[in-house]
C-alpha atoms as a PDB file:
ATOM      1  CA  MET A   1      35.619 104.796 238.140  1.00  0.00           C
ATOM      2  CA  SER A   2      38.265 106.245 240.475  1.00  0.00           C
ATOM      3  CA  THR A   3      38.555 104.840 243.980  1.00  0.00           C
ATOM      4  CA  ALA A   4      39.347 106.363 247.349  1.00  0.00           C
ATOM      5  CA  VAL A   5      39.903 102.919 248.885  1.00  0.00           C
ATOM      6  CA  ARG A   6      41.124  99.820 247.074  1.00  0.00           C
ATOM      7  CA  VAL A   7      41.569  96.548 248.955  1.00  0.00           C
ATOM      8  CA  ARG A   8      42.619  93.305 247.286  1.00  0.00           C
ATOM      9  CA  ALA A   9      43.094  89.846 248.850  1.00  0.00           C
ATOM     10  CA  LEU A  10      43.564  91.419 252.280  1.00  0.00           C
ATOM     11  CA  THR A  11      44.461  89.050 255.101  1.00  0.00           C
ATOM     12  CA  LYS A  12      44.973  89.619 258.825  1.00  0.00           C
ATOM     13  CA  SER A  13      45.494  87.113 261.613  1.00  0.00           C
ATOM     14  CA  PHE A  14      45.956  87.354 265.342  1.00  0.00           C
ATOM     15  CA  GLY A  15      47.942  84.318 266.424  1.00  0.00           C
ATOM     16  CA  PRO A  16      46.247  81.203 265.031  1.00  0.00           C
ATOM     17  CA  ARG A  17      42.996  83.049 264.320  1.00  0.00           C
ATOM     18  CA  THR A  18      42.456  84.439 260.814  1.00  0.00           C
ATOM     19  CA  VAL A  19      40.190  87.490 261.015  1.00  0.00           C
ATOM     20  CA  LEU A  20      40.292  88.681 257.401  1.00  0.00           C
ATOM     21  CA  SER A  21      40.774  86.189 254.590  1.00  0.00           C
ATOM     22  CA  GLY A  22      41.284  87.363 251.008  1.00  0.00           C
ATOM     23  CA  LEU A  23      38.998  90.392 251.338  1.00  0.00           C
ATOM     24  CA  ASP A  24      38.329  92.699 248.361  1.00  0.00           C
ATOM     25  CA  LEU A  25      36.661  96.119 248.691  1.00  0.00           C
ATOM     26  CA  ASP A  26      36.460  99.374 246.757  1.00  0.00           C
ATOM     27  CA  ILE A  27      35.063 102.676 248.017  1.00  0.00           C
ATOM     28  CA  ALA A  28      34.566 105.495 245.532  1.00  0.00           C
ATOM     29  CA  PRO A  29      35.307 109.137 246.361  1.00  0.00           C
ATOM     30  CA  GLY A  30      32.286 110.582 248.152  1.00  0.00           C
ATOM     31  CA  GLU A  31      30.656 107.161 248.628  1.00  0.00           C
ATOM     32  CA  PHE A  32      29.190 106.183 252.016  1.00  0.00           C
ATOM     33  CA  VAL A  33      29.667 102.469 252.730  1.00  0.00           C
ATOM     34  CA  ALA A  34      28.333 100.732 255.848  1.00  0.00           C
ATOM     35  CA  LEU A  35      30.017  97.530 257.004  1.00  0.00           C
ATOM     36  CA  ILE A  36      27.868  95.157 259.051  1.00  0.00           C
ATOM     37  CA  GLY A  37      28.404  91.741 260.597  1.00  0.00           C
ATOM     38  CA  GLU A  38      28.421  89.881 263.879  1.00  0.00           C
ATOM     39  CA  SER A  39      30.941  90.592 266.635  1.00  0.00           C
ATOM     40  CA  GLY A  40      34.401  89.266 265.829  1.00  0.00           C
ATOM     41  CA  CYS A  41      33.855  89.028 262.074  1.00  0.00           C
ATOM     42  CA  GLY A  42      36.630  91.546 261.301  1.00  0.00           C
ATOM     43  CA  LYS A  43      34.779  94.858 260.896  1.00  0.00           C
ATOM     44  CA  THR A  44      36.916  96.909 263.263  1.00  0.00           C
ATOM     45  CA  THR A  45      40.053  95.089 262.127  1.00  0.00           C
ATOM     46  CA  LEU A  46      39.401  96.289 258.574  1.00  0.00           C
ATOM     47  CA  LEU A  47      38.757  99.827 259.790  1.00  0.00           C
ATOM     48  CA  ARG A  48      42.006  99.867 261.775  1.00  0.00           C
ATOM     49  CA  LEU A  49      43.909  98.648 258.735  1.00  0.00           C
ATOM     50  CA  LEU A  50      42.398 101.419 256.605  1.00  0.00           C
ATOM     51  CA  ALA A  51      43.256 103.934 259.312  1.00  0.00           C
ATOM     52  CA  GLY A  52      46.881 102.808 259.332  1.00  0.00           C
ATOM     53  CA  LEU A  53      46.634 101.730 262.984  1.00  0.00           C
ATOM     54  CA  ASP A  54      47.482  98.100 262.128  1.00  0.00           C
ATOM     55  CA  THR A  55      49.339  96.441 259.269  1.00  0.00           C
ATOM     56  CA  PRO A  56      47.959  93.622 257.104  1.00  0.00           C
ATOM     57  CA  ASP A  57      49.604  90.224 256.856  1.00  0.00           C
ATOM     58  CA  GLY A  58      48.990  90.012 253.125  1.00  0.00           C
ATOM     59  CA  GLY A  59      47.239  91.538 250.141  1.00  0.00           C
ATOM     60  CA  ASP A  60      47.123  95.116 248.866  1.00  0.00           C
ATOM     61  CA  LEU A  61      45.558  98.144 250.535  1.00  0.00           C
ATOM     62  CA  GLU A  62      45.351 101.642 249.099  1.00  0.00           C
ATOM     63  CA  ALA A  63      43.810 104.477 251.115  1.00  0.00           C
ATOM     64  CA  PRO A  64      44.332 108.241 251.046  1.00  0.00           C
ATOM     65  CA  PRO A  65      46.712 109.715 253.617  1.00  0.00           C
ATOM     66  CA  GLU A  66      44.064 112.325 254.462  1.00  0.00           C
ATOM     67  CA  ARG A  67      41.944 110.125 256.720  1.00  0.00           C
ATOM     68  CA  MET A  68      40.319 110.548 260.103  1.00  0.00           C
ATOM     69  CA  VAL A  69      38.616 108.183 262.544  1.00  0.00           C
ATOM     70  CA  VAL A  70      35.673 108.707 264.903  1.00  0.00           C
ATOM     71  CA  PHE A  71      35.464 105.952 267.522  1.00  0.00           C
ATOM     72  CA  GLN A  72      32.626 104.823 269.784  1.00  0.00           C
ATOM     73  CA  GLU A  73      34.393 106.689 272.607  1.00  0.00           C
ATOM     74  CA  HIS A  74      34.841 110.361 271.812  1.00  0.00           C
ATOM     75  CA  ARG A  75      38.471 110.333 273.049  1.00  0.00           C
ATOM     76  CA  LEU A  76      38.508 114.033 273.879  1.00  0.00           C
ATOM     77  CA  LEU A  77      41.404 115.294 275.992  1.00  0.00           C
ATOM     78  CA  PRO A  78      39.812 116.355 279.298  1.00  0.00           C
ATOM     79  CA  TRP A  79      42.543 118.899 280.086  1.00  0.00           C
ATOM     80  CA  ARG A  80      41.920 120.836 276.856  1.00  0.00           C
ATOM     81  CA  ARG A  81      38.932 123.015 276.069  1.00  0.00           C
ATOM     82  CA  VAL A  82      36.547 121.953 273.325  1.00  0.00           C
ATOM     83  CA  TRP A  83      38.034 124.217 270.640  1.00  0.00           C
ATOM     84  CA  GLN A  84      41.536 122.955 271.454  1.00  0.00           C
ATOM     85  CA  ASN A  85      40.369 119.366 271.053  1.00  0.00           C
ATOM     86  CA  VAL A  86      39.034 120.226 267.608  1.00  0.00           C
ATOM     87  CA  ALA A  87      41.848 122.438 266.354  1.00  0.00           C
ATOM     88  CA  VAL A  88      44.915 120.290 267.223  1.00  0.00           C
ATOM     89  CA  GLY A  89      47.391 122.763 265.777  1.00  0.00           C
ATOM     90  CA  LEU A  90      44.910 124.725 263.665  1.00  0.00           C
ATOM     91  CA  PRO A  91      43.772 128.264 264.581  1.00  0.00           C
ATOM     92  CA  ARG A  92      40.809 128.822 266.875  1.00  0.00           C
ATOM     93  CA  GLU A  93      38.839 130.222 263.923  1.00  0.00           C
ATOM     94  CA  ALA A  94      38.973 126.835 262.165  1.00  0.00           C
ATOM     95  CA  ALA A  95      37.648 125.113 265.287  1.00  0.00           C
ATOM     96  CA  ALA A  96      34.909 127.729 265.600  1.00  0.00           C
ATOM     97  CA  ARG A  97      33.720 127.055 262.034  1.00  0.00           C
ATOM     98  CA  ALA A  98      33.739 123.292 262.579  1.00  0.00           C
ATOM     99  CA  LEU A  99      31.866 123.541 265.877  1.00  0.00           C
ATOM    100  CA  THR A 100      29.277 125.851 264.341  1.00  0.00           C
ATOM    101  CA  GLU A 101      28.705 123.241 261.647  1.00  0.00           C
ATOM    102  CA  VAL A 102      27.889 120.586 264.263  1.00  0.00           C
ATOM    103  CA  GLY A 103      25.643 122.924 266.271  1.00  0.00           C
ATOM    104  CA  LEU A 104      28.072 123.700 269.103  1.00  0.00           C
ATOM    105  CA  ALA A 105      29.028 127.292 268.364  1.00  0.00           C
ATOM    106  CA  GLY A 106      28.532 128.247 272.015  1.00  0.00           C
ATOM    107  CA  HIS A 107      30.807 125.527 273.395  1.00  0.00           C
ATOM    108  CA  LEU A 108      34.255 126.622 272.218  1.00  0.00           C
ATOM    109  CA  ASP A 109      35.603 127.268 275.709  1.00  0.00           C
ATOM    110  CA  ALA A 110      33.718 124.476 277.464  1.00  0.00           C
ATOM    111  CA  TRP A 111      35.543 121.597 279.137  1.00  0.00           C
ATOM    112  CA  PRO A 112      34.785 118.099 277.774  1.00  0.00           C
ATOM    113  CA  VAL A 113      33.487 116.951 281.167  1.00  0.00           C
ATOM    114  CA  THR A 114      30.557 119.367 280.847  1.00  0.00           C
ATOM    115  CA  LEU A 115      29.325 117.840 277.568  1.00  0.00           C
ATOM    116  CA  SER A 116      26.585 115.262 277.115  1.00  0.00           C
ATOM    117  CA  GLY A 117      27.395 112.063 275.225  1.00  0.00           C
ATOM    118  CA  GLY A 118      25.829 113.419 272.032  1.00  0.00           C
ATOM    119  CA  GLU A 119      27.661 116.737 272.343  1.00  0.00           C
ATOM    120  CA  ALA A 120      30.977 114.955 272.856  1.00  0.00           C
ATOM    121  CA  GLN A 121      30.433 112.924 269.678  1.00  0.00           C
ATOM    122  CA  ARG A 122      29.595 116.128 267.811  1.00  0.00           C
ATOM    123  CA  VAL A 123      32.956 117.504 268.919  1.00  0.00           C
ATOM    124  CA  ALA A 124      34.619 114.290 267.729  1.00  0.00           C
ATOM    125  CA  LEU A 125      32.965 114.725 264.325  1.00  0.00           C
ATOM    126  CA  ALA A 126      34.078 118.359 264.158  1.00  0.00           C
ATOM    127  CA  ARG A 127      37.640 117.290 264.993  1.00  0.00           C
ATOM    128  CA  ALA A 128      37.552 114.672 262.226  1.00  0.00           C
ATOM    129  CA  LEU A 129      36.136 116.956 259.531  1.00  0.00           C
ATOM    130  CA  VAL A 130      38.011 120.179 260.288  1.00  0.00           C
ATOM    131  CA  ARG A 131      40.945 118.920 258.188  1.00  0.00           C
ATOM    132  CA  GLU A 132      38.715 117.936 255.238  1.00  0.00           C
ATOM    133  CA  PRO A 133      39.735 114.259 255.074  1.00  0.00           C
ATOM    134  CA  ARG A 134      39.295 112.291 251.879  1.00  0.00           C
ATOM    135  CA  LEU A 135      38.395 109.221 253.967  1.00  0.00           C
ATOM    136  CA  LEU A 136      36.236 109.297 257.109  1.00  0.00           C
ATOM    137  CA  LEU A 137      36.203 106.121 259.198  1.00  0.00           C
ATOM    138  CA  LEU A 138      33.367 105.720 261.723  1.00  0.00           C
ATOM    139  CA  ASP A 139      33.745 102.896 264.251  1.00  0.00           C
ATOM    140  CA  GLU A 140      30.276 102.489 265.817  1.00  0.00           C
ATOM    141  CA  PRO A 141      30.239 106.180 266.812  1.00  0.00           C
ATOM    142  CA  PHE A 142      26.596 106.124 267.966  1.00  0.00           C
ATOM    143  CA  ALA A 143      26.537 102.827 269.885  1.00  0.00           C
ATOM    144  CA  ALA A 144      26.744 104.413 273.344  1.00  0.00           C
ATOM    145  CA  LEU A 145      24.060 107.044 272.689  1.00  0.00           C
ATOM    146  CA  ASP A 146      20.384 106.885 273.619  1.00  0.00           C
ATOM    147  CA  ALA A 147      17.833 106.303 270.857  1.00  0.00           C
ATOM    148  CA  LEU A 148      16.730 109.928 270.462  1.00  0.00           C
ATOM    149  CA  THR A 149      20.303 111.218 270.349  1.00  0.00           C
ATOM    150  CA  ARG A 150      21.167 108.568 267.760  1.00  0.00           C
ATOM    151  CA  ILE A 151      18.376 109.816 265.491  1.00  0.00           C
ATOM    152  CA  LYS A 152      19.706 113.373 265.769  1.00  0.00           C
ATOM    153  CA  MET A 153      23.259 112.197 265.086  1.00  0.00           C
ATOM    154  CA  HIS A 154      22.147 110.274 262.005  1.00  0.00           C
ATOM    155  CA  ALA A 155      20.646 113.452 260.562  1.00  0.00           C
ATOM    156  CA  LEU A 156      23.799 115.410 261.409  1.00  0.00           C
ATOM    157  CA  VAL A 157      26.104 112.848 259.794  1.00  0.00           C
ATOM    158  CA  ARG A 158      24.038 112.812 256.608  1.00  0.00           C
ATOM    159  CA  GLN A 159      24.232 116.614 256.510  1.00  0.00           C
ATOM    160  CA  LEU A 160      27.999 116.727 257.149  1.00  0.00           C
ATOM    161  CA  VAL A 161      28.832 114.013 254.629  1.00  0.00           C
ATOM    162  CA  ALA A 162      26.741 115.777 251.969  1.00  0.00           C
ATOM    163  CA  ALA A 163      28.616 119.014 252.666  1.00  0.00           C
ATOM    164  CA  HIS A 164      32.175 117.628 252.820  1.00  0.00           C
ATOM    165  CA  ARG A 165      31.882 114.599 250.488  1.00  0.00           C
ATOM    166  CA  PRO A 166      34.573 112.334 251.931  1.00  0.00           C
ATOM    167  CA  ALA A 167      34.551 108.638 251.233  1.00  0.00           C
ATOM    168  CA  VAL A 168      33.034 107.069 254.359  1.00  0.00           C
ATOM    169  CA  LEU A 169      33.258 103.648 255.943  1.00  0.00           C
ATOM    170  CA  LEU A 170      30.842 103.134 258.837  1.00  0.00           C
ATOM    171  CA  VAL A 171      31.290 100.042 261.010  1.00  0.00           C
ATOM    172  CA  THR A 172      28.036  99.163 262.767  1.00  0.00           C
ATOM    173  CA  HIS A 173      26.119  96.247 264.271  1.00  0.00           C
ATOM    174  CA  ASP A 174      22.855  98.026 263.499  1.00  0.00           C
ATOM    175  CA  VAL A 175      21.368  96.960 260.151  1.00  0.00           C
ATOM    176  CA  ASP A 176      18.738  99.713 260.327  1.00  0.00           C
ATOM    177  CA  GLU A 177      21.420 102.346 260.863  1.00  0.00           C
ATOM    178  CA  ALA A 178      23.403 101.028 257.905  1.00  0.00           C
ATOM    179  CA  ILE A 179      20.403 101.244 255.575  1.00  0.00           C
ATOM    180  CA  LEU A 180      19.396 104.712 256.789  1.00  0.00           C
ATOM    181  CA  LEU A 181      22.856 106.227 256.285  1.00  0.00           C
ATOM    182  CA  ALA A 182      24.798 104.437 253.570  1.00  0.00           C
ATOM    183  CA  ASP A 183      24.871 104.445 249.781  1.00  0.00           C
ATOM    184  CA  ARG A 184      25.963 100.805 249.929  1.00  0.00           C
ATOM    185  CA  VAL A 185      25.761  98.186 252.681  1.00  0.00           C
ATOM    186  CA  VAL A 186      28.424  95.480 252.810  1.00  0.00           C
ATOM    187  CA  ALA A 187      28.025  92.364 254.969  1.00  0.00           C
ATOM    188  CA  LEU A 188      31.159  90.720 256.379  1.00  0.00           C
ATOM    189  CA  ARG A 189      31.088  87.081 257.409  1.00  0.00           C
ATOM    190  CA  SER A 190      33.992  84.813 258.345  1.00  0.00           C
ATOM    191  CA  GLY A 191      36.527  87.376 257.198  1.00  0.00           C
ATOM    192  CA  ARG A 192      35.092  87.795 253.702  1.00  0.00           C
ATOM    193  CA  LEU A 193      32.442  89.940 252.061  1.00  0.00           C
ATOM    194  CA  ALA A 194      29.281  87.861 252.147  1.00  0.00           C
ATOM    195  CA  ALA A 195      26.990  90.317 250.335  1.00  0.00           C
ATOM    196  CA  GLU A 196      26.622  93.922 249.278  1.00  0.00           C
ATOM    197  CA  HIS A 197      23.599  95.981 248.331  1.00  0.00           C
ATOM    198  CA  ARG A 198      23.187  99.432 246.884  1.00  0.00           C
ATOM    199  CA  VAL A 199      20.683 101.496 248.901  1.00  0.00           C
ATOM    200  CA  ASP A 200      18.554 103.137 246.252  1.00  0.00           C
ATOM    201  CA  PHE A 201      14.950 103.409 247.332  1.00  0.00           C
ATOM    202  CA  GLY A 202      14.000 105.987 244.747  1.00  0.00           C
ATOM    203  CA  GLY A 203      12.074 107.855 247.423  1.00  0.00           C
ATOM    204  CA  GLU A 204      12.006 108.514 251.142  1.00  0.00           C
ATOM    205  CA  ARG A 205      14.976 107.190 253.141  1.00  0.00           C
ATOM    206  CA  SER A 206      13.048 105.939 256.166  1.00  0.00           C
ATOM    207  CA  ARG A 207      11.622 102.845 257.815  1.00  0.00           C
ATOM    208  CA  ARG A 208       8.225 103.786 256.342  1.00  0.00           C
ATOM    209  CA  ASN A 209       9.447 102.951 252.843  1.00  0.00           C
ATOM    210  CA  PRO A 210       8.501  99.332 251.978  1.00  0.00           C
ATOM    211  CA  ALA A 211      11.906  98.951 250.301  1.00  0.00           C
ATOM    212  CA  PHE A 212      13.555  99.528 253.689  1.00  0.00           C
ATOM    213  CA  ASP A 213      11.991  96.448 255.245  1.00  0.00           C
ATOM    214  CA  GLU A 214      12.721  94.350 252.165  1.00  0.00           C
ATOM    215  CA  LEU A 215      16.435  95.237 252.231  1.00  0.00           C
ATOM    216  CA  ARG A 216      16.594  94.777 255.988  1.00  0.00           C
ATOM    217  CA  HIS A 217      15.120  91.280 255.719  1.00  0.00           C
ATOM    218  CA  ARG A 218      17.589  90.359 252.967  1.00  0.00           C
ATOM    219  CA  LEU A 219      20.623  91.596 254.911  1.00  0.00           C
ATOM    220  CA  LEU A 220      19.605  89.766 258.080  1.00  0.00           C
ATOM    221  CA  ALA A 221      19.111  86.570 256.092  1.00  0.00           C
ATOM    222  CA  GLU A 222      22.555  86.950 254.509  1.00  0.00           C
ATOM    223  CA  LEU A 223      24.042  87.368 257.983  1.00  0.00           C
ATOM    224  CA  GLY A 224      22.436  84.103 259.048  1.00  0.00           C
ATOM    225  CA  VAL A 225      19.680  85.546 261.206  1.00  0.00           C
ATOM    226  CA  ALA A 226      16.691  84.996 258.917  1.00  0.00           C
ATOM    227  CA  GLU A 227      14.531  83.917 261.852  1.00  0.00           C
ATOM    228  CA  LEU A 228      15.035  87.350 263.417  1.00  0.00           C
ATOM    229  CA  ALA A 229      14.074  89.005 260.153  1.00  0.00           C
ATOM    230  CA  GLU A 230      10.830  87.032 260.183  1.00  0.00           C
ATOM    231  CA  THR A 231       9.877  88.123 263.679  1.00  0.00           C
ATOM    232  CA  ARG A 232      10.382  91.866 263.226  1.00  0.00           C
END
């Protein structure tokens, strides 16, 4: 099977602290992978390495040059109108198509300061997808949103990924979010992959599916929080 991302024996340290230690990971073209784990386990470090924002200390890393990142903060330029934030050198028509796709067709000439948090993240998604990346990296893009907006954004991301078919790596602390969105959930612990599970319920992708709770319990146990899994 071809791969969009291939990581072998990847290592990264910051001073005396080793964050990633001999990590292996493949992501297939069009596959949606969610990476979960406790704070400081190396999730964002791996994403930054895949984005080309940092360099590894060792190992091999292959990722397509056509890659885009959506961060927890939308990082829109406040002195540029919404369409200019999306286009970044492309014609206005390209920005208009991308904003229509995320439900913001009427906001082309708006200033970022006038947007809600959810609207700003929609613009960030439009900016990431307008160039049709082969790899989309999502660094906890919904963490600062309220619960209702998060639900709407989950539906939008599923729709956009199905339409554009990039390989996706989502970094998240939210096990439920990982199961609801991803084709495969990978758990990172102490700088290594501790577990991975294919999300294949064979039916409805929702918390109402008994398979959802079973997978959730298993992932929490593998992350060392089995007692939390028991109390939910």
